[in-house]
Amino acid sequence: MVQALLNLDNNTNRILNFVKAKYDFNDKSEAVSFVVDYFIEMQKDPELKPEFMTKLKNLEKKGKFTGYKSLSKLRDELENA
């Protein structure tokens, strides 16, 4: 495990204390790990998430998915909608 000395501004310190209290963590290092893990999860591309793939497959099965051969055809449909 790596140890680090961090300089936190008051707002960041307050947020870490809030996360620590809300999730009943023992120390701020657990809160920092939680925040970083949460950020990593939120930054994943939607196409990599299983829920997104399931929704996309359902759309394709129901026929509500329209394919376009060119960007200009998509623009035409959007502008004339």
PDB file of N, CA and C in Angstrom:
ATOM      1  N   MET A   1       0.849  -1.174   0.000  1.00  0.00           N
ATOM      2  CA  MET A   1       0.000   0.000   0.000  1.00  0.00           C
ATOM      3  C   MET A   1       0.897   1.240   0.000  1.00  0.00           C
ATOM      4  N   VAL A   2       0.504   2.232  -0.752  1.00  0.00           N
ATOM      5  CA  VAL A   2       1.246   3.480  -0.864  1.00  0.00           C
ATOM      6  C   VAL A   2       0.684   4.480   0.128  1.00  0.00           C
ATOM      7  N   GLN A   3       1.550   5.212   0.780  1.00  0.00           N
ATOM      8  CA  GLN A   3       1.129   6.281   1.665  1.00  0.00           C
ATOM      9  C   GLN A   3       1.427   7.604   0.994  1.00  0.00           C
ATOM     10  N   ALA A   4       0.527   8.573   1.182  1.00  0.00           N
ATOM     11  CA  ALA A   4       0.709   9.878   0.562  1.00  0.00           C
ATOM     12  C   ALA A   4       0.305  10.967   1.547  1.00  0.00           C
ATOM     13  N   LEU A   5       1.017  12.034   1.501  1.00  0.00           N
ATOM     14  CA  LEU A   5       0.698  13.219   2.288  1.00  0.00           C
ATOM     15  C   LEU A   5      -0.011  14.178   1.335  1.00  0.00           C
ATOM     16  N   LEU A   6      -1.248  14.543   1.672  1.00  0.00           N
ATOM     17  CA  LEU A   6      -2.055  15.389   0.791  1.00  0.00           C
ATOM     18  C   LEU A   6      -2.311  16.738   1.423  1.00  0.00           C
ATOM     19  N   ASN A   7      -2.302  17.775   0.612  1.00  0.00           N
ATOM     20  CA  ASN A   7      -2.745  19.096   1.035  1.00  0.00           C
ATOM     21  C   ASN A   7      -4.152  19.296   0.481  1.00  0.00           C
ATOM     22  N   LEU A   8      -5.123  19.432   1.369  1.00  0.00           N
ATOM     23  CA  LEU A   8      -6.520  19.571   0.971  1.00  0.00           C
ATOM     24  C   LEU A   8      -7.020  20.962   1.323  1.00  0.00           C
ATOM     25  N   ASP A   9      -7.789  21.545   0.431  1.00  0.00           N
ATOM     26  CA  ASP A   9      -8.428  22.807   0.795  1.00  0.00           C
ATOM     27  C   ASP A   9      -9.612  22.500   1.718  1.00  0.00           C
ATOM     28  N   ASN A  10     -10.201  23.529   2.291  1.00  0.00           N
ATOM     29  CA  ASN A  10     -11.266  23.335   3.276  1.00  0.00           C
ATOM     30  C   ASN A  10     -12.475  22.618   2.692  1.00  0.00           C
ATOM     31  N   ASN A  11     -12.841  22.973   1.464  1.00  0.00           N
ATOM     32  CA  ASN A  11     -14.007  22.359   0.849  1.00  0.00           C
ATOM     33  C   ASN A  11     -13.780  20.868   0.609  1.00  0.00           C
ATOM     34  N   THR A  12     -12.622  20.493   0.084  1.00  0.00           N
ATOM     35  CA  THR A  12     -12.316  19.089  -0.165  1.00  0.00           C
ATOM     36  C   THR A  12     -12.282  18.312   1.140  1.00  0.00           C
ATOM     37  N   ASN A  13     -11.701  18.896   2.162  1.00  0.00           N
ATOM     38  CA  ASN A  13     -11.663  18.255   3.468  1.00  0.00           C
ATOM     39  C   ASN A  13     -13.075  18.030   4.012  1.00  0.00           C
ATOM     40  N   ARG A  14     -13.939  19.019   3.842  1.00  0.00           N
ATOM     41  CA  ARG A  14     -15.326  18.921   4.297  1.00  0.00           C
ATOM     42  C   ARG A  14     -16.057  17.801   3.559  1.00  0.00           C
ATOM     43  N   ILE A  15     -15.838  17.707   2.250  1.00  0.00           N
ATOM     44  CA  ILE A  15     -16.496  16.667   1.453  1.00  0.00           C
ATOM     45  C   ILE A  15     -16.007  15.285   1.879  1.00  0.00           C
ATOM     46  N   LEU A  16     -14.704  15.144   2.079  1.00  0.00           N
ATOM     47  CA  LEU A  16     -14.176  13.848   2.521  1.00  0.00           C
ATOM     48  C   LEU A  16     -14.721  13.461   3.893  1.00  0.00           C
ATOM     49  N   ASN A  17     -14.858  14.437   4.782  1.00  0.00           N
ATOM     50  CA  ASN A  17     -15.461  14.151   6.090  1.00  0.00           C
ATOM     51  C   ASN A  17     -16.909  13.712   5.940  1.00  0.00           C
ATOM     52  N   PHE A  18     -17.633  14.333   5.022  1.00  0.00           N
ATOM     53  CA  PHE A  18     -19.021  13.962   4.765  1.00  0.00           C
ATOM     54  C   PHE A  18     -19.106  12.530   4.236  1.00  0.00           C
ATOM     55  N   VAL A  19     -18.265  12.200   3.253  1.00  0.00           N
ATOM     56  CA  VAL A  19     -18.260  10.846   2.675  1.00  0.00           C
ATOM     57  C   VAL A  19     -17.878   9.828   3.743  1.00  0.00           C
ATOM     58  N   LYS A  20     -16.899  10.170   4.551  1.00  0.00           N
ATOM     59  CA  LYS A  20     -16.448   9.281   5.632  1.00  0.00           C
ATOM     60  C   LYS A  20     -17.586   8.995   6.604  1.00  0.00           C
ATOM     61  N   ALA A  21     -18.323  10.023   6.985  1.00  0.00           N
ATOM     62  CA  ALA A  21     -19.430   9.855   7.929  1.00  0.00           C
ATOM     63  C   ALA A  21     -20.608   9.120   7.292  1.00  0.00           C
ATOM     64  N   LYS A  22     -20.935   9.475   6.062  1.00  0.00           N
ATOM     65  CA  LYS A  22     -22.111   8.879   5.400  1.00  0.00           C
ATOM     66  C   LYS A  22     -21.941   7.380   5.204  1.00  0.00           C
ATOM     67  N   TYR A  23     -20.760   6.951   4.806  1.00  0.00           N
ATOM     68  CA  TYR A  23     -20.528   5.540   4.515  1.00  0.00           C
ATOM     69  C   TYR A  23     -19.830   4.812   5.661  1.00  0.00           C
ATOM     70  N   ASP A  24     -19.714   5.475   6.803  1.00  0.00           N
ATOM     71  CA  ASP A  24     -19.159   4.889   8.017  1.00  0.00           C
ATOM     72  C   ASP A  24     -17.760   4.312   7.804  1.00  0.00           C
ATOM     73  N   PHE A  25     -16.917   5.083   7.116  1.00  0.00           N
ATOM     74  CA  PHE A  25     -15.527   4.678   6.914  1.00  0.00           C
ATOM     75  C   PHE A  25     -14.730   4.964   8.175  1.00  0.00           C
ATOM     76  N   ASN A  26     -13.649   4.212   8.352  1.00  0.00           N
ATOM     77  CA  ASN A  26     -12.806   4.379   9.540  1.00  0.00           C
ATOM     78  C   ASN A  26     -11.897   5.596   9.458  1.00  0.00           C
ATOM     79  N   ASP A  27     -11.462   5.929   8.241  1.00  0.00           N
ATOM     80  CA  ASP A  27     -10.572   7.068   8.083  1.00  0.00           C
ATOM     81  C   ASP A  27     -10.761   7.702   6.708  1.00  0.00           C
ATOM     82  N   LYS A  28     -10.081   8.822   6.502  1.00  0.00           N
ATOM     83  CA  LYS A  28     -10.224   9.551   5.241  1.00  0.00           C
ATOM     84  C   LYS A  28      -9.633   8.793   4.059  1.00  0.00           C
ATOM     85  N   SER A  29      -8.663   7.926   4.315  1.00  0.00           N
ATOM     86  CA  SER A  29      -8.084   7.179   3.195  1.00  0.00           C
ATOM     87  C   SER A  29      -9.133   6.272   2.552  1.00  0.00           C
ATOM     88  N   GLU A  30     -10.029   5.708   3.350  1.00  0.00           N
ATOM     89  CA  GLU A  30     -11.121   4.909   2.787  1.00  0.00           C
ATOM     90  C   GLU A  30     -12.070   5.795   1.991  1.00  0.00           C
ATOM     91  N   ALA A  31     -12.299   7.006   2.467  1.00  0.00           N
ATOM     92  CA  ALA A  31     -13.169   7.945   1.751  1.00  0.00           C
ATOM     93  C   ALA A  31     -12.544   8.354   0.419  1.00  0.00           C
ATOM     94  N   VAL A  32     -11.240   8.597   0.422  1.00  0.00           N
ATOM     95  CA  VAL A  32     -10.547   8.959  -0.824  1.00  0.00           C
ATOM     96  C   VAL A  32     -10.629   7.805  -1.812  1.00  0.00           C
ATOM     97  N   SER A  33     -10.386   6.584  -1.358  1.00  0.00           N
ATOM     98  CA  SER A  33     -10.467   5.417  -2.238  1.00  0.00           C
ATOM     99  C   SER A  33     -11.864   5.269  -2.823  1.00  0.00           C
ATOM    100  N   PHE A  34     -12.883   5.485  -1.989  1.00  0.00           N
ATOM    101  CA  PHE A  34     -14.268   5.390  -2.450  1.00  0.00           C
ATOM    102  C   PHE A  34     -14.551   6.424  -3.536  1.00  0.00           C
ATOM    103  N   VAL A  35     -14.143   7.665  -3.302  1.00  0.00           N
ATOM    104  CA  VAL A  35     -14.392   8.741  -4.267  1.00  0.00           C
ATOM    105  C   VAL A  35     -13.682   8.454  -5.589  1.00  0.00           C
ATOM    106  N   VAL A  36     -12.452   7.989  -5.522  1.00  0.00           N
ATOM    107  CA  VAL A  36     -11.698   7.682  -6.739  1.00  0.00           C
ATOM    108  C   VAL A  36     -12.343   6.520  -7.482  1.00  0.00           C
ATOM    109  N   ASP A  37     -12.723   5.464  -6.776  1.00  0.00           N
ATOM    110  CA  ASP A  37     -13.387   4.327  -7.421  1.00  0.00           C
ATOM    111  C   ASP A  37     -14.703   4.748  -8.069  1.00  0.00           C
ATOM    112  N   TYR A  38     -15.454   5.602  -7.383  1.00  0.00           N
ATOM    113  CA  TYR A  38     -16.719   6.101  -7.933  1.00  0.00           C
ATOM    114  C   TYR A  38     -16.474   6.906  -9.205  1.00  0.00           C
ATOM    115  N   PHE A  39     -15.460   7.747  -9.187  1.00  0.00           N
ATOM    116  CA  PHE A  39     -15.117   8.546 -10.365  1.00  0.00           C
ATOM    117  C   PHE A  39     -14.735   7.645 -11.533  1.00  0.00           C
ATOM    118  N   ILE A  40     -13.935   6.630 -11.275  1.00  0.00           N
ATOM    119  CA  ILE A  40     -13.524   5.700 -12.339  1.00  0.00           C
ATOM    120  C   ILE A  40     -14.751   5.015 -12.940  1.00  0.00           C
ATOM    121  N   GLU A  41     -15.663   4.601 -12.104  1.00  0.00           N
ATOM    122  CA  GLU A  41     -16.876   3.929 -12.594  1.00  0.00           C
ATOM    123  C   GLU A  41     -17.722   4.866 -13.453  1.00  0.00           C
ATOM    124  N   MET A  42     -17.820   6.130 -13.049  1.00  0.00           N
ATOM    125  CA  MET A  42     -18.630   7.089 -13.805  1.00  0.00           C
ATOM    126  C   MET A  42     -17.976   7.473 -15.132  1.00  0.00           C
ATOM    127  N   GLN A  43     -16.667   7.346 -15.230  1.00  0.00           N
ATOM    128  CA  GLN A  43     -15.968   7.741 -16.445  1.00  0.00           C
ATOM    129  C   GLN A  43     -15.904   6.633 -17.489  1.00  0.00           C
ATOM    130  N   LYS A  44     -16.389   5.439 -17.166  1.00  0.00           N
ATOM    131  CA  LYS A  44     -16.382   4.355 -18.144  1.00  0.00           C
ATOM    132  C   LYS A  44     -17.271   4.734 -19.315  1.00  0.00           C
ATOM    133  N   ASP A  45     -16.894   4.294 -20.482  1.00  0.00           N
ATOM    134  CA  ASP A  45     -17.711   4.529 -21.661  1.00  0.00           C
ATOM    135  C   ASP A  45     -19.029   3.783 -21.532  1.00  0.00           C
ATOM    136  N   PRO A  46     -20.143   4.415 -21.919  1.00  0.00           N
ATOM    137  CA  PRO A  46     -21.448   3.759 -21.766  1.00  0.00           C
ATOM    138  C   PRO A  46     -21.533   2.420 -22.495  1.00  0.00           C
ATOM    139  N   GLU A  47     -20.838   2.294 -23.635  1.00  0.00           N
ATOM    140  CA  GLU A  47     -20.933   1.047 -24.376  1.00  0.00           C
ATOM    141  C   GLU A  47     -20.264  -0.111 -23.646  1.00  0.00           C
ATOM    142  N   LEU A  48     -19.477   0.185 -22.628  1.00  0.00           N
ATOM    143  CA  LEU A  48     -18.840  -0.878 -21.862  1.00  0.00           C
ATOM    144  C   LEU A  48     -19.707  -1.366 -20.709  1.00  0.00           C
ATOM    145  N   LYS A  49     -20.722  -0.603 -20.352  1.00  0.00           N
ATOM    146  CA  LYS A  49     -21.578  -0.999 -19.249  1.00  0.00           C
ATOM    147  C   LYS A  49     -22.632  -1.995 -19.737  1.00  0.00           C
ATOM    148  N   PRO A  50     -22.842  -3.081 -19.025  1.00  0.00           N
ATOM    149  CA  PRO A  50     -23.808  -4.100 -19.453  1.00  0.00           C
ATOM    150  C   PRO A  50     -25.234  -3.566 -19.577  1.00  0.00           C
ATOM    151  N   GLU A  51     -25.618  -2.614 -18.709  1.00  0.00           N
ATOM    152  CA  GLU A  51     -26.977  -2.065 -18.774  1.00  0.00           C
ATOM    153  C   GLU A  51     -27.208  -1.343 -20.104  1.00  0.00           C
ATOM    154  N   PHE A  52     -26.187  -0.627 -20.558  1.00  0.00           N
ATOM    155  CA  PHE A  52     -26.295   0.097 -21.822  1.00  0.00           C
ATOM    156  C   PHE A  52     -26.447  -0.876 -22.985  1.00  0.00           C
ATOM    157  N   MET A  53     -25.660  -1.955 -22.978  1.00  0.00           N
ATOM    158  CA  MET A  53     -25.737  -2.949 -24.052  1.00  0.00           C
ATOM    159  C   MET A  53     -27.108  -3.610 -24.074  1.00  0.00           C
ATOM    160  N   THR A  54     -27.673  -3.899 -22.903  1.00  0.00           N
ATOM    161  CA  THR A  54     -29.001  -4.503 -22.825  1.00  0.00           C
ATOM    162  C   THR A  54     -30.049  -3.566 -23.408  1.00  0.00           C
ATOM    163  N   LYS A  55     -29.978  -2.290 -23.056  1.00  0.00           N
ATOM    164  CA  LYS A  55     -30.937  -1.318 -23.594  1.00  0.00           C
ATOM    165  C   LYS A  55     -30.807  -1.197 -25.105  1.00  0.00           C
ATOM    166  N   LEU A  56     -29.584  -1.184 -25.602  1.00  0.00           N
ATOM    167  CA  LEU A  56     -29.356  -1.066 -27.035  1.00  0.00           C
ATOM    168  C   LEU A  56     -29.907  -2.280 -27.775  1.00  0.00           C
ATOM    169  N   LYS A  57     -29.687  -3.476 -27.247  1.00  0.00           N
ATOM    170  CA  LYS A  57     -30.210  -4.695 -27.878  1.00  0.00           C
ATOM    171  C   LYS A  57     -31.729  -4.697 -27.886  1.00  0.00           C
ATOM    172  N   ASN A  58     -32.346  -4.212 -26.804  1.00  0.00           N
ATOM    173  CA  ASN A  58     -33.809  -4.128 -26.762  1.00  0.00           C
ATOM    174  C   ASN A  58     -34.336  -3.160 -27.814  1.00  0.00           C
ATOM    175  N   LEU A  59     -33.647  -2.033 -27.991  1.00  0.00           N
ATOM    176  CA  LEU A  59     -34.061  -1.083 -29.021  1.00  0.00           C
ATOM    177  C   LEU A  59     -33.970  -1.704 -30.412  1.00  0.00           C
ATOM    178  N   GLU A  60     -32.905  -2.440 -30.672  1.00  0.00           N
ATOM    179  CA  GLU A  60     -32.733  -3.072 -31.982  1.00  0.00           C
ATOM    180  C   GLU A  60     -33.816  -4.118 -32.233  1.00  0.00           C
ATOM    181  N   LYS A  61     -34.201  -4.878 -31.215  1.00  0.00           N
ATOM    182  CA  LYS A  61     -35.228  -5.907 -31.362  1.00  0.00           C
ATOM    183  C   LYS A  61     -36.605  -5.302 -31.619  1.00  0.00           C
ATOM    184  N   LYS A  62     -36.896  -4.183 -30.969  1.00  0.00           N
ATOM    185  CA  LYS A  62     -38.211  -3.566 -31.086  1.00  0.00           C
ATOM    186  C   LYS A  62     -38.379  -2.775 -32.374  1.00  0.00           C
ATOM    187  N   GLY A  63     -37.297  -2.572 -33.110  1.00  0.00           N
ATOM    188  CA  GLY A  63     -37.400  -1.875 -34.385  1.00  0.00           C
ATOM    189  C   GLY A  63     -37.416  -0.367 -34.263  1.00  0.00           C
ATOM    190  N   LYS A  64     -37.084   0.163 -33.115  1.00  0.00           N
ATOM    191  CA  LYS A  64     -37.064   1.612 -32.929  1.00  0.00           C
ATOM    192  C   LYS A  64     -35.693   2.192 -33.229  1.00  0.00           C
ATOM    193  N   PHE A  65     -34.828   1.390 -33.769  1.00  0.00           N
ATOM    194  CA  PHE A  65     -33.464   1.798 -34.067  1.00  0.00           C
ATOM    195  C   PHE A  65     -33.352   2.043 -35.567  1.00  0.00           C
ATOM    196  N   THR A  66     -32.890   3.219 -35.948  1.00  0.00           N
ATOM    197  CA  THR A  66     -32.765   3.563 -37.364  1.00  0.00           C
ATOM    198  C   THR A  66     -31.293   3.714 -37.711  1.00  0.00           C
ATOM    199  N   GLY A  67     -30.892   3.040 -38.780  1.00  0.00           N
ATOM    200  CA  GLY A  67     -29.520   3.157 -39.240  1.00  0.00           C
ATOM    201  C   GLY A  67     -29.416   4.195 -40.351  1.00  0.00           C
ATOM    202  N   TYR A  68     -28.306   4.896 -40.418  1.00  0.00           N
ATOM    203  CA  TYR A  68     -28.072   5.907 -41.443  1.00  0.00           C
ATOM    204  C   TYR A  68     -26.774   5.591 -42.159  1.00  0.00           C
ATOM    205  N   LYS A  69     -26.809   5.720 -43.476  1.00  0.00           N
ATOM    206  CA  LYS A  69     -25.612   5.443 -44.260  1.00  0.00           C
ATOM    207  C   LYS A  69     -24.684   6.644 -44.333  1.00  0.00           C
ATOM    208  N   SER A  70     -25.223   7.819 -44.050  1.00  0.00           N
ATOM    209  CA  SER A  70     -24.377   9.003 -44.080  1.00  0.00           C
ATOM    210  C   SER A  70     -24.880  10.015 -43.052  1.00  0.00           C
ATOM    211  N   LEU A  71     -24.009  10.893 -42.672  1.00  0.00           N
ATOM    212  CA  LEU A  71     -24.351  11.935 -41.715  1.00  0.00           C
ATOM    213  C   LEU A  71     -25.342  12.930 -42.319  1.00  0.00           C
ATOM    214  N   SER A  72     -25.250  13.147 -43.611  1.00  0.00           N
ATOM    215  CA  SER A  72     -26.162  14.097 -44.251  1.00  0.00           C
ATOM    216  C   SER A  72     -27.612  13.605 -44.206  1.00  0.00           C
ATOM    217  N   LYS A  73     -27.830  12.291 -44.329  1.00  0.00           N
ATOM    218  CA  LYS A  73     -29.198  11.761 -44.230  1.00  0.00           C
ATOM    219  C   LYS A  73     -29.754  11.933 -42.825  1.00  0.00           C
ATOM    220  N   LEU A  74     -28.913  11.745 -41.827  1.00  0.00           N
ATOM    221  CA  LEU A  74     -29.335  11.976 -40.450  1.00  0.00           C
ATOM    222  C   LEU A  74     -29.677  13.444 -40.243  1.00  0.00           C
ATOM    223  N   ARG A  75     -28.830  14.339 -40.741  1.00  0.00           N
ATOM    224  CA  ARG A  75     -29.106  15.779 -40.607  1.00  0.00           C
ATOM    225  C   ARG A  75     -30.398  16.149 -41.300  1.00  0.00           C
ATOM    226  N   ASP A  76     -30.639  15.621 -42.499  1.00  0.00           N
ATOM    227  CA  ASP A  76     -31.884  15.918 -43.211  1.00  0.00           C
ATOM    228  C   ASP A  76     -33.096  15.506 -42.400  1.00  0.00           C
ATOM    229  N   GLU A  77     -33.044  14.304 -41.815  1.00  0.00           N
ATOM    230  CA  GLU A  77     -34.188  13.844 -41.037  1.00  0.00           C
ATOM    231  C   GLU A  77     -34.399  14.687 -39.784  1.00  0.00           C
ATOM    232  N   LEU A  78     -33.300  15.069 -39.128  1.00  0.00           N
ATOM    233  CA  LEU A  78     -33.426  15.888 -37.933  1.00  0.00           C
ATOM    234  C   LEU A  78     -33.925  17.283 -38.244  1.00  0.00           C
ATOM    235  N   GLU A  79     -33.472  17.860 -39.348  1.00  0.00           N
ATOM    236  CA  GLU A  79     -33.904  19.214 -39.691  1.00  0.00           C
ATOM    237  C   GLU A  79     -35.335  19.242 -40.175  1.00  0.00           C
ATOM    238  N   ASN A  80     -35.836  18.165 -40.745  1.00  0.00           N
ATOM    239  CA  ASN A  80     -37.197  18.125 -41.274  1.00  0.00           C
ATOM    240  C   ASN A  80     -38.178  17.471 -40.324  1.00  0.00           C
ATOM    241  N   ALA A  81     -37.762  17.206 -39.113  1.00  0.00           N
ATOM    242  CA  ALA A  81     -38.650  16.540 -38.144  1.00  0.00           C
ATOM    243  C   ALA A  81     -39.640  17.527 -37.558  1.00  0.00           C
TER     244      ALA A  81
END
